[in-house]
């Protein structure tokens, strides 16, 4: 799911204009059905974590390293949804993606990179 706000701000980034970015990243153990009006995703693991963002010519990238140490529940949480949010609590989902299952443990970190590319 990608909402209109995310697309508009990505276009502004590509054009070198001032743009708003999603500020937080979350992971969830549910295979969530998310809409642009959603302010949370069920079964989030731990706290939302701050994103970094960058733009290089025709690529906008959002990055977060999910530290293994941030796992709150027992080890072996199976991540099924990842999302970019506008706030650390509530806010709105700018984009989300269901994944096949990534095992999050305290033994290692996971580096998430969300890149958008365009061609003209």
PDB file of N, CA and C in Angstrom:
ATOM      1  N   UNK A   1       0.847  -1.163   0.000  1.00  0.00           N
ATOM      2  CA  UNK A   1       0.000   0.000   0.000  1.00  0.00           C
ATOM      3  C   UNK A   1       0.899   1.236   0.000  1.00  0.00           C
ATOM      4  N   UNK A   2       0.622   2.132  -0.905  1.00  0.00           N
ATOM      5  CA  UNK A   2       1.313   3.431  -0.958  1.00  0.00           C
ATOM      6  C   UNK A   2       0.227   4.481  -1.002  1.00  0.00           C
ATOM      7  N   UNK A   3       0.275   5.444  -0.062  1.00  0.00           N
ATOM      8  CA  UNK A   3      -0.783   6.451  -0.096  1.00  0.00           C
ATOM      9  C   UNK A   3      -0.375   7.665  -0.928  1.00  0.00           C
ATOM     10  N   UNK A   4      -1.352   8.507  -1.224  1.00  0.00           N
ATOM     11  CA  UNK A   4      -1.129   9.658  -2.097  1.00  0.00           C
ATOM     12  C   UNK A   4      -0.119  10.638  -1.517  1.00  0.00           C
ATOM     13  N   UNK A   5      -0.152  10.840  -0.204  1.00  0.00           N
ATOM     14  CA  UNK A   5       0.789  11.747   0.460  1.00  0.00           C
ATOM     15  C   UNK A   5       2.231  11.298   0.208  1.00  0.00           C
ATOM     16  N   UNK A   6       2.463  10.002   0.268  1.00  0.00           N
ATOM     17  CA  UNK A   6       3.803   9.465   0.027  1.00  0.00           C
ATOM     18  C   UNK A   6       4.228   9.709  -1.419  1.00  0.00           C
ATOM     19  N   UNK A   7       3.325   9.490  -2.376  1.00  0.00           N
ATOM     20  CA  UNK A   7       3.648   9.707  -3.782  1.00  0.00           C
ATOM     21  C   UNK A   7       3.935  11.176  -4.076  1.00  0.00           C
ATOM     22  N   UNK A   8       3.113  12.064  -3.537  1.00  0.00           N
ATOM     23  CA  UNK A   8       3.305  13.499  -3.757  1.00  0.00           C
ATOM     24  C   UNK A   8       4.663  13.952  -3.221  1.00  0.00           C
ATOM     25  N   UNK A   9       5.002  13.519  -2.006  1.00  0.00           N
ATOM     26  CA  UNK A   9       6.267  13.937  -1.415  1.00  0.00           C
ATOM     27  C   UNK A   9       7.466  13.282  -2.091  1.00  0.00           C
ATOM     28  N   UNK A  10       7.303  12.079  -2.599  1.00  0.00           N
ATOM     29  CA  UNK A  10       8.390  11.451  -3.367  1.00  0.00           C
ATOM     30  C   UNK A  10       8.641  12.240  -4.652  1.00  0.00           C
ATOM     31  N   UNK A  11       7.571  12.669  -5.326  1.00  0.00           N
ATOM     32  CA  UNK A  11       7.715  13.477  -6.542  1.00  0.00           C
ATOM     33  C   UNK A  11       8.430  14.794  -6.234  1.00  0.00           C
ATOM     34  N   UNK A  12       8.095  15.422  -5.101  1.00  0.00           N
ATOM     35  CA  UNK A  12       8.772  16.661  -4.709  1.00  0.00           C
ATOM     36  C   UNK A  12      10.260  16.409  -4.479  1.00  0.00           C
ATOM     37  N   UNK A  13      10.588  15.281  -3.846  1.00  0.00           N
ATOM     38  CA  UNK A  13      11.993  14.940  -3.603  1.00  0.00           C
ATOM     39  C   UNK A  13      12.740  14.796  -4.925  1.00  0.00           C
ATOM     40  N   UNK A  14      12.129  14.111  -5.891  1.00  0.00           N
ATOM     41  CA  UNK A  14      12.770  13.921  -7.186  1.00  0.00           C
ATOM     42  C   UNK A  14      13.000  15.243  -7.903  1.00  0.00           C
ATOM     43  N   UNK A  15      12.099  16.208  -7.697  1.00  0.00           N
ATOM     44  CA  UNK A  15      12.207  17.507  -8.342  1.00  0.00           C
ATOM     45  C   UNK A  15      13.103  18.479  -7.586  1.00  0.00           C
ATOM     46  N   UNK A  16      13.672  18.032  -6.473  1.00  0.00           N
ATOM     47  CA  UNK A  16      14.551  18.896  -5.694  1.00  0.00           C
ATOM     48  C   UNK A  16      13.805  19.919  -4.865  1.00  0.00           C
ATOM     49  N   UNK A  17      12.506  19.719  -4.671  1.00  0.00           N
ATOM     50  CA  UNK A  17      11.693  20.626  -3.865  1.00  0.00           C
ATOM     51  C   UNK A  17      11.728  20.192  -2.403  1.00  0.00           C
ATOM     52  N   UNK A  18      11.262  21.062  -1.526  1.00  0.00           N
ATOM     53  CA  UNK A  18      11.128  20.706  -0.118  1.00  0.00           C
ATOM     54  C   UNK A  18      10.049  19.634   0.002  1.00  0.00           C
ATOM     55  N   UNK A  19      10.334  18.580   0.771  1.00  0.00           N
ATOM     56  CA  UNK A  19       9.370  17.492   0.878  1.00  0.00           C
ATOM     57  C   UNK A  19       9.313  16.948   2.296  1.00  0.00           C
ATOM     58  N   UNK A  20       8.183  16.353   2.631  1.00  0.00           N
ATOM     59  CA  UNK A  20       8.006  15.707   3.929  1.00  0.00           C
ATOM     60  C   UNK A  20       8.293  14.228   3.755  1.00  0.00           C
ATOM     61  N   UNK A  21       8.931  13.665   4.736  1.00  0.00           N
ATOM     62  CA  UNK A  21       9.279  12.249   4.643  1.00  0.00           C
ATOM     63  C   UNK A  21       8.631  11.476   5.773  1.00  0.00           C
ATOM     64  N   UNK A  22       8.418  10.169   5.563  1.00  0.00           N
ATOM     65  CA  UNK A  22       8.014   9.371   6.702  1.00  0.00           C
ATOM     66  C   UNK A  22       9.151   9.413   7.716  1.00  0.00           C
ATOM     67  N   UNK A  23       8.829   9.488   8.977  1.00  0.00           N
ATOM     68  CA  UNK A  23       9.844   9.674  10.014  1.00  0.00           C
ATOM     69  C   UNK A  23      10.162   8.416  10.795  1.00  0.00           C
ATOM     70  N   UNK A  24       9.256   7.443  10.762  1.00  0.00           N
ATOM     71  CA  UNK A  24       9.422   6.248  11.591  1.00  0.00           C
ATOM     72  C   UNK A  24       9.151   4.978  10.804  1.00  0.00           C
ATOM     73  N   UNK A  25       9.743   3.931  11.287  1.00  0.00           N
ATOM     74  CA  UNK A  25       9.676   2.614  10.676  1.00  0.00           C
ATOM     75  C   UNK A  25       9.091   1.659  11.708  1.00  0.00           C
ATOM     76  N   UNK A  26       8.246   0.742  11.272  1.00  0.00           N
ATOM     77  CA  UNK A  26       7.734  -0.261  12.209  1.00  0.00           C
ATOM     78  C   UNK A  26       7.750  -1.621  11.562  1.00  0.00           C
ATOM     79  N   UNK A  27       7.771  -2.641  12.413  1.00  0.00           N
ATOM     80  CA  UNK A  27       7.629  -4.020  11.961  1.00  0.00           C
ATOM     81  C   UNK A  27       6.512  -4.655  12.766  1.00  0.00           C
ATOM     82  N   UNK A  28       5.845  -5.632  12.146  1.00  0.00           N
ATOM     83  CA  UNK A  28       4.703  -6.281  12.775  1.00  0.00           C
ATOM     84  C   UNK A  28       4.739  -7.777  12.484  1.00  0.00           C
ATOM     85  N   UNK A  29       4.193  -8.550  13.407  1.00  0.00           N
ATOM     86  CA  UNK A  29       4.105  -9.993  13.192  1.00  0.00           C
ATOM     87  C   UNK A  29       2.830 -10.389  12.452  1.00  0.00           C
ATOM     88  N   UNK A  30       1.941  -9.436  12.196  1.00  0.00           N
ATOM     89  CA  UNK A  30       0.706  -9.758  11.478  1.00  0.00           C
ATOM     90  C   UNK A  30       0.888  -9.488   9.985  1.00  0.00           C
ATOM     91  N   UNK A  31       0.127 -10.205   9.172  1.00  0.00           N
ATOM     92  CA  UNK A  31       0.046  -9.879   7.750  1.00  0.00           C
ATOM     93  C   UNK A  31      -1.098  -8.886   7.649  1.00  0.00           C
ATOM     94  N   UNK A  32      -0.751  -7.631   7.779  1.00  0.00           N
ATOM     95  CA  UNK A  32      -1.743  -6.580   7.964  1.00  0.00           C
ATOM     96  C   UNK A  32      -2.380  -6.149   6.650  1.00  0.00           C
ATOM     97  N   UNK A  33      -3.644  -5.832   6.723  1.00  0.00           N
ATOM     98  CA  UNK A  33      -4.354  -5.171   5.646  1.00  0.00           C
ATOM     99  C   UNK A  33      -4.419  -3.702   6.055  1.00  0.00           C
ATOM    100  N   UNK A  34      -3.675  -2.867   5.362  1.00  0.00           N
ATOM    101  CA  UNK A  34      -3.487  -1.481   5.783  1.00  0.00           C
ATOM    102  C   UNK A  34      -4.092  -0.547   4.752  1.00  0.00           C
ATOM    103  N   UNK A  35      -4.687   0.542   5.230  1.00  0.00           N
ATOM    104  CA  UNK A  35      -5.190   1.571   4.324  1.00  0.00           C
ATOM    105  C   UNK A  35      -4.462   2.878   4.627  1.00  0.00           C
ATOM    106  N   UNK A  36      -4.649   3.864   3.763  1.00  0.00           N
ATOM    107  CA  UNK A  36      -3.999   5.164   3.956  1.00  0.00           C
ATOM    108  C   UNK A  36      -4.479   5.855   5.224  1.00  0.00           C
ATOM    109  N   UNK A  37      -5.654   5.474   5.725  1.00  0.00           N
ATOM    110  CA  UNK A  37      -6.196   6.086   6.944  1.00  0.00           C
ATOM    111  C   UNK A  37      -5.687   5.398   8.216  1.00  0.00           C
ATOM    112  N   UNK A  38      -4.952   4.303   8.083  1.00  0.00           N
ATOM    113  CA  UNK A  38      -4.481   3.569   9.260  1.00  0.00           C
ATOM    114  C   UNK A  38      -3.479   4.396  10.061  1.00  0.00           C
ATOM    115  N   UNK A  39      -3.599   4.320  11.379  1.00  0.00           N
ATOM    116  CA  UNK A  39      -2.661   5.013  12.268  1.00  0.00           C
ATOM    117  C   UNK A  39      -1.802   4.028  13.049  1.00  0.00           C
ATOM    118  N   UNK A  40      -2.053   2.756  12.870  1.00  0.00           N
ATOM    119  CA  UNK A  40      -1.245   1.725  13.522  1.00  0.00           C
ATOM    120  C   UNK A  40      -1.418   0.425  12.743  1.00  0.00           C
ATOM    121  N   UNK A  41      -0.572  -0.524  13.077  1.00  0.00           N
ATOM    122  CA  UNK A  41      -0.666  -1.855  12.494  1.00  0.00           C
ATOM    123  C   UNK A  41      -0.658  -2.833  13.658  1.00  0.00           C
ATOM    124  N   UNK A  42      -1.579  -3.785  13.639  1.00  0.00           N
ATOM    125  CA  UNK A  42      -1.681  -4.717  14.762  1.00  0.00           C
ATOM    126  C   UNK A  42      -0.393  -5.518  14.924  1.00  0.00           C
ATOM    127  N   UNK A  43      -0.127  -5.881  16.165  1.00  0.00           N
ATOM    128  CA  UNK A  43       1.004  -6.724  16.529  1.00  0.00           C
ATOM    129  C   UNK A  43       2.366  -6.135  16.166  1.00  0.00           C
ATOM    130  N   UNK A  44       2.507  -4.809  16.375  1.00  0.00           N
ATOM    131  CA  UNK A  44       3.812  -4.187  16.170  1.00  0.00           C
ATOM    132  C   UNK A  44       4.810  -4.794  17.144  1.00  0.00           C
ATOM    133  N   UNK A  45       6.055  -4.968  16.705  1.00  0.00           N
ATOM    134  CA  UNK A  45       7.109  -5.488  17.570  1.00  0.00           C
ATOM    135  C   UNK A  45       7.933  -4.306  18.072  1.00  0.00           C
ATOM    136  N   UNK A  46       7.988  -4.143  19.368  1.00  0.00           N
ATOM    137  CA  UNK A  46       8.807  -3.080  19.945  1.00  0.00           C
ATOM    138  C   UNK A  46       8.302  -1.701  19.583  1.00  0.00           C
ATOM    139  N   UNK A  47       9.177  -0.724  19.690  1.00  0.00           N
ATOM    140  CA  UNK A  47       8.840   0.662  19.385  1.00  0.00           C
ATOM    141  C   UNK A  47       9.144   0.969  17.935  1.00  0.00           C
ATOM    142  N   UNK A  48       8.458   1.967  17.400  1.00  0.00           N
ATOM    143  CA  UNK A  48       8.803   2.471  16.078  1.00  0.00           C
ATOM    144  C   UNK A  48      10.163   3.139  16.187  1.00  0.00           C
ATOM    145  N   UNK A  49      10.944   3.018  15.135  1.00  0.00           N
ATOM    146  CA  UNK A  49      12.293   3.556  15.171  1.00  0.00           C
ATOM    147  C   UNK A  49      12.455   4.634  14.113  1.00  0.00           C
ATOM    148  N   UNK A  50      13.284   5.626  14.416  1.00  0.00           N
ATOM    149  CA  UNK A  50      13.491   6.757  13.514  1.00  0.00           C
ATOM    150  C   UNK A  50      14.142   6.313  12.212  1.00  0.00           C
ATOM    151  N   UNK A  51      13.709   6.932  11.116  1.00  0.00           N
ATOM    152  CA  UNK A  51      14.260   6.676   9.787  1.00  0.00           C
ATOM    153  C   UNK A  51      15.271   7.729   9.418  1.00  0.00           C
ATOM    154  N   UNK A  52      16.191   7.378   8.546  1.00  0.00           N
ATOM    155  CA  UNK A  52      17.008   8.369   7.876  1.00  0.00           C
ATOM    156  C   UNK A  52      16.566   8.367   6.419  1.00  0.00           C
ATOM    157  N   UNK A  53      16.716   9.483   5.748  1.00  0.00           N
ATOM    158  CA  UNK A  53      16.320   9.544   4.342  1.00  0.00           C
ATOM    159  C   UNK A  53      17.367  10.310   3.554  1.00  0.00           C
ATOM    160  N   UNK A  54      17.440  10.011   2.262  1.00  0.00           N
ATOM    161  CA  UNK A  54      18.374  10.724   1.390  1.00  0.00           C
ATOM    162  C   UNK A  54      17.835  10.722  -0.037  1.00  0.00           C
ATOM    163  N   UNK A  55      18.317  11.665  -0.822  1.00  0.00           N
ATOM    164  CA  UNK A  55      17.963  11.724  -2.241  1.00  0.00           C
ATOM    165  C   UNK A  55      19.226  11.927  -3.039  1.00  0.00           C
ATOM    166  N   UNK A  56      19.438  11.057  -4.025  1.00  0.00           N
ATOM    167  CA  UNK A  56      20.548  11.202  -4.957  1.00  0.00           C
ATOM    168  C   UNK A  56      19.952  11.103  -6.355  1.00  0.00           C
ATOM    169  N   UNK A  57      19.920  12.208  -7.055  1.00  0.00           N
ATOM    170  CA  UNK A  57      19.379  12.321  -8.410  1.00  0.00           C
ATOM    171  C   UNK A  57      18.003  11.672  -8.530  1.00  0.00           C
ATOM    172  N   UNK A  58      17.933  10.437  -9.009  1.00  0.00           N
ATOM    173  CA  UNK A  58      16.628   9.820  -9.265  1.00  0.00           C
ATOM    174  C   UNK A  58      16.281   8.723  -8.262  1.00  0.00           C
ATOM    175  N   UNK A  59      16.904   8.730  -7.087  1.00  0.00           N
ATOM    176  CA  UNK A  59      16.625   7.714  -6.075  1.00  0.00           C
ATOM    177  C   UNK A  59      16.401   8.382  -4.717  1.00  0.00           C
ATOM    178  N   UNK A  60      15.261   8.080  -4.098  1.00  0.00           N
ATOM    179  CA  UNK A  60      14.994   8.496  -2.727  1.00  0.00           C
ATOM    180  C   UNK A  60      15.044   7.236  -1.874  1.00  0.00           C
ATOM    181  N   UNK A  61      15.833   7.258  -0.803  1.00  0.00           N
ATOM    182  CA  UNK A  61      16.003   6.075   0.032  1.00  0.00           C
ATOM    183  C   UNK A  61      15.655   6.403   1.472  1.00  0.00           C
ATOM    184  N   UNK A  62      14.934   5.478   2.115  1.00  0.00           N
ATOM    185  CA  UNK A  62      14.624   5.543   3.538  1.00  0.00           C
ATOM    186  C   UNK A  62      15.310   4.346   4.182  1.00  0.00           C
ATOM    187  N   UNK A  63      15.992   4.567   5.301  1.00  0.00           N
ATOM    188  CA  UNK A  63      16.786   3.494   5.900  1.00  0.00           C
ATOM    189  C   UNK A  63      16.556   3.406   7.396  1.00  0.00           C
ATOM    190  N   UNK A  64      16.600   2.176   7.902  1.00  0.00           N
ATOM    191  CA  UNK A  64      16.557   1.924   9.336  1.00  0.00           C
ATOM    192  C   UNK A  64      17.273   0.614   9.605  1.00  0.00           C
ATOM    193  N   UNK A  65      18.039   0.580  10.671  1.00  0.00           N
ATOM    194  CA  UNK A  65      18.622  -0.676  11.114  1.00  0.00           C
ATOM    195  C   UNK A  65      17.842  -1.115  12.331  1.00  0.00           C
ATOM    196  N   UNK A  66      17.171  -2.240  12.214  1.00  0.00           N
ATOM    197  CA  UNK A  66      16.367  -2.795  13.305  1.00  0.00           C
ATOM    198  C   UNK A  66      17.302  -3.601  14.194  1.00  0.00           C
ATOM    199  N   UNK A  67      17.631  -3.037  15.337  1.00  0.00           N
ATOM    200  CA  UNK A  67      18.581  -3.687  16.235  1.00  0.00           C
ATOM    201  C   UNK A  67      17.977  -4.930  16.858  1.00  0.00           C
ATOM    202  N   UNK A  68      18.743  -6.009  16.845  1.00  0.00           N
ATOM    203  CA  UNK A  68      18.298  -7.235  17.487  1.00  0.00           C
ATOM    204  C   UNK A  68      17.975  -7.006  18.948  1.00  0.00           C
ATOM    205  N   UNK A  69      18.688  -6.085  19.570  1.00  0.00           N
ATOM    206  CA  UNK A  69      18.474  -5.801  20.983  1.00  0.00           C
ATOM    207  C   UNK A  69      17.122  -5.153  21.250  1.00  0.00           C
ATOM    208  N   UNK A  70      16.441  -4.639  20.189  1.00  0.00           N
ATOM    209  CA  UNK A  70      15.163  -3.964  20.400  1.00  0.00           C
ATOM    210  C   UNK A  70      13.982  -4.933  20.416  1.00  0.00           C
ATOM    211  N   UNK A  71      14.246  -6.219  20.268  1.00  0.00           N
ATOM    212  CA  UNK A  71      13.174  -7.214  20.303  1.00  0.00           C
ATOM    213  C   UNK A  71      12.676  -7.322  21.735  1.00  0.00           C
ATOM    214  N   UNK A  72      11.379  -7.083  21.932  1.00  0.00           N
ATOM    215  CA  UNK A  72      10.821  -7.097  23.286  1.00  0.00           C
ATOM    216  C   UNK A  72      10.291  -8.475  23.643  1.00  0.00           C
ATOM    217  N   UNK A  73       9.547  -9.087  22.730  1.00  0.00           N
ATOM    218  CA  UNK A  73       8.978 -10.410  23.010  1.00  0.00           C
ATOM    219  C   UNK A  73      10.086 -11.458  22.918  1.00  0.00           C
ATOM    220  N   UNK A  74       9.720 -12.692  23.117  1.00  0.00           N
ATOM    221  CA  UNK A  74      10.715 -13.756  23.040  1.00  0.00           C
ATOM    222  C   UNK A  74      11.352 -13.787  21.659  1.00  0.00           C
ATOM    223  N   UNK A  75      12.556 -14.278  21.601  1.00  0.00           N
ATOM    224  CA  UNK A  75      13.282 -14.326  20.342  1.00  0.00           C
ATOM    225  C   UNK A  75      12.519 -15.152  19.308  1.00  0.00           C
ATOM    226  N   UNK A  76      12.735 -14.853  18.037  1.00  0.00           N
ATOM    227  CA  UNK A  76      12.094 -15.617  16.977  1.00  0.00           C
ATOM    228  C   UNK A  76      10.817 -14.999  16.445  1.00  0.00           C
ATOM    229  N   UNK A  77      10.571 -13.717  16.711  1.00  0.00           N
ATOM    230  CA  UNK A  77       9.405 -13.059  16.123  1.00  0.00           C
ATOM    231  C   UNK A  77       9.515 -13.117  14.604  1.00  0.00           C
ATOM    232  N   UNK A  78       8.438 -13.486  13.950  1.00  0.00           N
ATOM    233  CA  UNK A  78       8.414 -13.588  12.501  1.00  0.00           C
ATOM    234  C   UNK A  78       7.804 -12.314  11.928  1.00  0.00           C
ATOM    235  N   UNK A  79       8.623 -11.444  11.333  1.00  0.00           N
ATOM    236  CA  UNK A  79       8.151 -10.179  10.785  1.00  0.00           C
ATOM    237  C   UNK A  79       7.378 -10.460   9.501  1.00  0.00           C
ATOM    238  N   UNK A  80       6.130  -9.972   9.449  1.00  0.00           N
ATOM    239  CA  UNK A  80       5.278 -10.193   8.283  1.00  0.00           C
ATOM    240  C   UNK A  80       4.888  -8.891   7.577  1.00  0.00           C
ATOM    241  N   UNK A  81       4.978  -7.750   8.268  1.00  0.00           N
ATOM    242  CA  UNK A  81       4.655  -6.459   7.654  1.00  0.00           C
ATOM    243  C   UNK A  81       5.693  -5.438   8.081  1.00  0.00           C
ATOM    244  N   UNK A  82       6.124  -4.610   7.124  1.00  0.00           N
ATOM    245  CA  UNK A  82       6.977  -3.468   7.420  1.00  0.00           C
ATOM    246  C   UNK A  82       6.253  -2.231   6.903  1.00  0.00           C
ATOM    247  N   UNK A  83       6.432  -1.108   7.582  1.00  0.00           N
ATOM    248  CA  UNK A  83       5.724   0.111   7.175  1.00  0.00           C
ATOM    249  C   UNK A  83       6.523   1.349   7.532  1.00  0.00           C
ATOM    250  N   UNK A  84       6.291   2.407   6.776  1.00  0.00           N
ATOM    251  CA  UNK A  84       6.865   3.717   7.061  1.00  0.00           C
ATOM    252  C   UNK A  84       5.739   4.604   7.568  1.00  0.00           C
ATOM    253  N   UNK A  85       5.963   5.250   8.706  1.00  0.00           N
ATOM    254  CA  UNK A  85       4.933   6.024   9.392  1.00  0.00           C
ATOM    255  C   UNK A  85       5.358   7.487   9.528  1.00  0.00           C
ATOM    256  N   UNK A  86       4.382   8.360   9.786  1.00  0.00           N
ATOM    257  CA  UNK A  86       4.670   9.783   9.958  1.00  0.00           C
ATOM    258  C   UNK A  86       4.961  10.162  11.403  1.00  0.00           C
ATOM    259  N   UNK A  87       4.733   9.258  12.354  1.00  0.00           N
ATOM    260  CA  UNK A  87       4.935   9.607  13.769  1.00  0.00           C
ATOM    261  C   UNK A  87       5.314   8.367  14.584  1.00  0.00           C
ATOM    262  N   UNK A  88       5.887   8.612  15.751  1.00  0.00           N
ATOM    263  CA  UNK A  88       6.300   7.501  16.614  1.00  0.00           C
ATOM    264  C   UNK A  88       5.109   6.799  17.264  1.00  0.00           C
ATOM    265  N   UNK A  89       3.993   7.504  17.390  1.00  0.00           N
ATOM    266  CA  UNK A  89       2.728   6.886  17.808  1.00  0.00           C
ATOM    267  C   UNK A  89       1.639   7.498  16.936  1.00  0.00           C
ATOM    268  N   UNK A  90       0.637   6.723  16.625  1.00  0.00           N
ATOM    269  CA  UNK A  90      -0.430   7.158  15.724  1.00  0.00           C
ATOM    270  C   UNK A  90       0.168   7.628  14.402  1.00  0.00           C
ATOM    271  N   UNK A  91      -0.050   8.879  13.988  1.00  0.00           N
ATOM    272  CA  UNK A  91       0.419   9.313  12.686  1.00  0.00           C
ATOM    273  C   UNK A  91      -0.331   8.569  11.600  1.00  0.00           C
ATOM    274  N   UNK A  92       0.243   8.505  10.401  1.00  0.00           N
ATOM    275  CA  UNK A  92      -0.402   7.746   9.331  1.00  0.00           C
ATOM    276  C   UNK A  92       0.616   6.857   8.635  1.00  0.00           C
ATOM    277  N   UNK A  93       0.101   5.793   8.060  1.00  0.00           N
ATOM    278  CA  UNK A  93       0.940   4.872   7.297  1.00  0.00           C
ATOM    279  C   UNK A  93       1.156   5.500   5.928  1.00  0.00           C
ATOM    280  N   UNK A  94       2.411   5.758   5.557  1.00  0.00           N
ATOM    281  CA  UNK A  94       2.679   6.312   4.232  1.00  0.00           C
ATOM    282  C   UNK A  94       2.830   5.198   3.202  1.00  0.00           C
ATOM    283  N   UNK A  95       3.411   4.089   3.612  1.00  0.00           N
ATOM    284  CA  UNK A  95       3.538   2.938   2.739  1.00  0.00           C
ATOM    285  C   UNK A  95       3.795   1.703   3.594  1.00  0.00           C
ATOM    286  N   UNK A  96       3.322   0.561   3.133  1.00  0.00           N
ATOM    287  CA  UNK A  96       3.539  -0.687   3.867  1.00  0.00           C
ATOM    288  C   UNK A  96       3.752  -1.828   2.884  1.00  0.00           C
ATOM    289  N   UNK A  97       4.352  -2.880   3.376  1.00  0.00           N
ATOM    290  CA  UNK A  97       4.641  -4.032   2.544  1.00  0.00           C
ATOM    291  C   UNK A  97       4.542  -5.296   3.379  1.00  0.00           C
ATOM    292  N   UNK A  98       3.781  -6.262   2.893  1.00  0.00           N
ATOM    293  CA  UNK A  98       3.746  -7.577   3.536  1.00  0.00           C
ATOM    294  C   UNK A  98       4.909  -8.395   2.996  1.00  0.00           C
ATOM    295  N   UNK A  99       5.614  -9.059   3.890  1.00  0.00           N
ATOM    296  CA  UNK A  99       6.768  -9.869   3.506  1.00  0.00           C
ATOM    297  C   UNK A  99       6.528 -11.314   3.917  1.00  0.00           C
ATOM    298  N   UNK A 100       7.273 -12.222   3.351  1.00  0.00           N
ATOM    299  CA  UNK A 100       7.061 -13.644   3.575  1.00  0.00           C
ATOM    300  C   UNK A 100       7.395 -14.122   4.966  1.00  0.00           C
ATOM    301  N   UNK A 101       8.082 -13.362   5.729  1.00  0.00           N
ATOM    302  CA  UNK A 101       8.458 -13.753   7.083  1.00  0.00           C
ATOM    303  C   UNK A 101       9.953 -13.646   7.270  1.00  0.00           C
ATOM    304  N   UNK A 102      10.381 -12.709   8.097  1.00  0.00           N
ATOM    305  CA  UNK A 102      11.789 -12.520   8.417  1.00  0.00           C
ATOM    306  C   UNK A 102      11.905 -12.777   9.903  1.00  0.00           C
ATOM    307  N   UNK A 103      12.737 -13.704  10.307  1.00  0.00           N
ATOM    308  CA  UNK A 103      12.863 -14.022  11.720  1.00  0.00           C
ATOM    309  C   UNK A 103      13.738 -12.977  12.397  1.00  0.00           C
ATOM    310  N   UNK A 104      13.160 -12.252  13.351  1.00  0.00           N
ATOM    311  CA  UNK A 104      13.892 -11.237  14.131  1.00  0.00           C
ATOM    312  C   UNK A 104      14.332 -11.880  15.434  1.00  0.00           C
ATOM    313  N   UNK A 105      15.612 -11.885  15.688  1.00  0.00           N
ATOM    314  CA  UNK A 105      16.136 -12.427  16.945  1.00  0.00           C
ATOM    315  C   UNK A 105      17.049 -11.402  17.584  1.00  0.00           C
ATOM    316  N   UNK A 106      17.423 -11.640  18.819  1.00  0.00           N
ATOM    317  CA  UNK A 106      18.357 -10.744  19.498  1.00  0.00           C
ATOM    318  C   UNK A 106      19.786 -10.957  19.020  1.00  0.00           C
ATOM    319  N   UNK A 107      20.012 -11.964  18.191  1.00  0.00           N
ATOM    320  CA  UNK A 107      21.363 -12.311  17.762  1.00  0.00           C
ATOM    321  C   UNK A 107      21.905 -11.420  16.644  1.00  0.00           C
ATOM    322  N   UNK A 108      21.018 -10.745  15.889  1.00  0.00           N
ATOM    323  CA  UNK A 108      21.521  -9.928  14.784  1.00  0.00           C
ATOM    324  C   UNK A 108      20.578  -8.769  14.490  1.00  0.00           C
ATOM    325  N   UNK A 109      21.112  -7.766  13.797  1.00  0.00           N
ATOM    326  CA  UNK A 109      20.338  -6.608  13.363  1.00  0.00           C
ATOM    327  C   UNK A 109      19.849  -6.842  11.934  1.00  0.00           C
ATOM    328  N   UNK A 110      18.780  -6.167  11.554  1.00  0.00           N
ATOM    329  CA  UNK A 110      18.277  -6.229  10.181  1.00  0.00           C
ATOM    330  C   UNK A 110      18.328  -4.817   9.605  1.00  0.00           C
ATOM    331  N   UNK A 111      18.955  -4.664   8.448  1.00  0.00           N
ATOM    332  CA  UNK A 111      19.065  -3.368   7.787  1.00  0.00           C
ATOM    333  C   UNK A 111      17.982  -3.278   6.722  1.00  0.00           C
ATOM    334  N   UNK A 112      17.015  -2.367   6.910  1.00  0.00           N
ATOM    335  CA  UNK A 112      15.936  -2.166   5.953  1.00  0.00           C
ATOM    336  C   UNK A 112      16.232  -0.923   5.119  1.00  0.00           C
ATOM    337  N   UNK A 113      16.235  -1.071   3.813  1.00  0.00           N
ATOM    338  CA  UNK A 113      16.393   0.047   2.885  1.00  0.00           C
ATOM    339  C   UNK A 113      15.192   0.062   1.960  1.00  0.00           C
ATOM    340  N   UNK A 114      14.478   1.182   1.928  1.00  0.00           N
ATOM    341  CA  UNK A 114      13.291   1.339   1.087  1.00  0.00           C
ATOM    342  C   UNK A 114      13.640   2.407   0.059  1.00  0.00           C
ATOM    343  N   UNK A 115      13.857   2.007  -1.182  1.00  0.00           N
ATOM    344  CA  UNK A 115      14.276   2.957  -2.214  1.00  0.00           C
ATOM    345  C   UNK A 115      13.206   3.103  -3.283  1.00  0.00           C
ATOM    346  N   UNK A 116      13.060   4.318  -3.759  1.00  0.00           N
ATOM    347  CA  UNK A 116      12.143   4.620  -4.857  1.00  0.00           C
ATOM    348  C   UNK A 116      12.984   5.234  -5.967  1.00  0.00           C
ATOM    349  N   UNK A 117      12.884   4.681  -7.171  1.00  0.00           N
ATOM    350  CA  UNK A 117      13.636   5.159  -8.318  1.00  0.00           C
ATOM    351  C   UNK A 117      12.668   5.623  -9.404  1.00  0.00           C
ATOM    352  N   UNK A 118      13.097   6.579 -10.185  1.00  0.00           N
ATOM    353  CA  UNK A 118      12.265   6.976 -11.309  1.00  0.00           C
ATOM    354  C   UNK A 118      13.121   7.155 -12.557  1.00  0.00           C
ATOM    355  N   UNK A 119      12.477   7.056 -13.706  1.00  0.00           N
ATOM    356  CA  UNK A 119      13.121   7.310 -14.996  1.00  0.00           C
ATOM    357  C   UNK A 119      12.266   8.320 -15.734  1.00  0.00           C
ATOM    358  N   UNK A 120      12.910   9.241 -16.402  1.00  0.00           N
ATOM    359  CA  UNK A 120      12.180  10.234 -17.189  1.00  0.00           C
ATOM    360  C   UNK A 120      12.550  10.088 -18.636  1.00  0.00           C
TER     361      UNK A 120
END
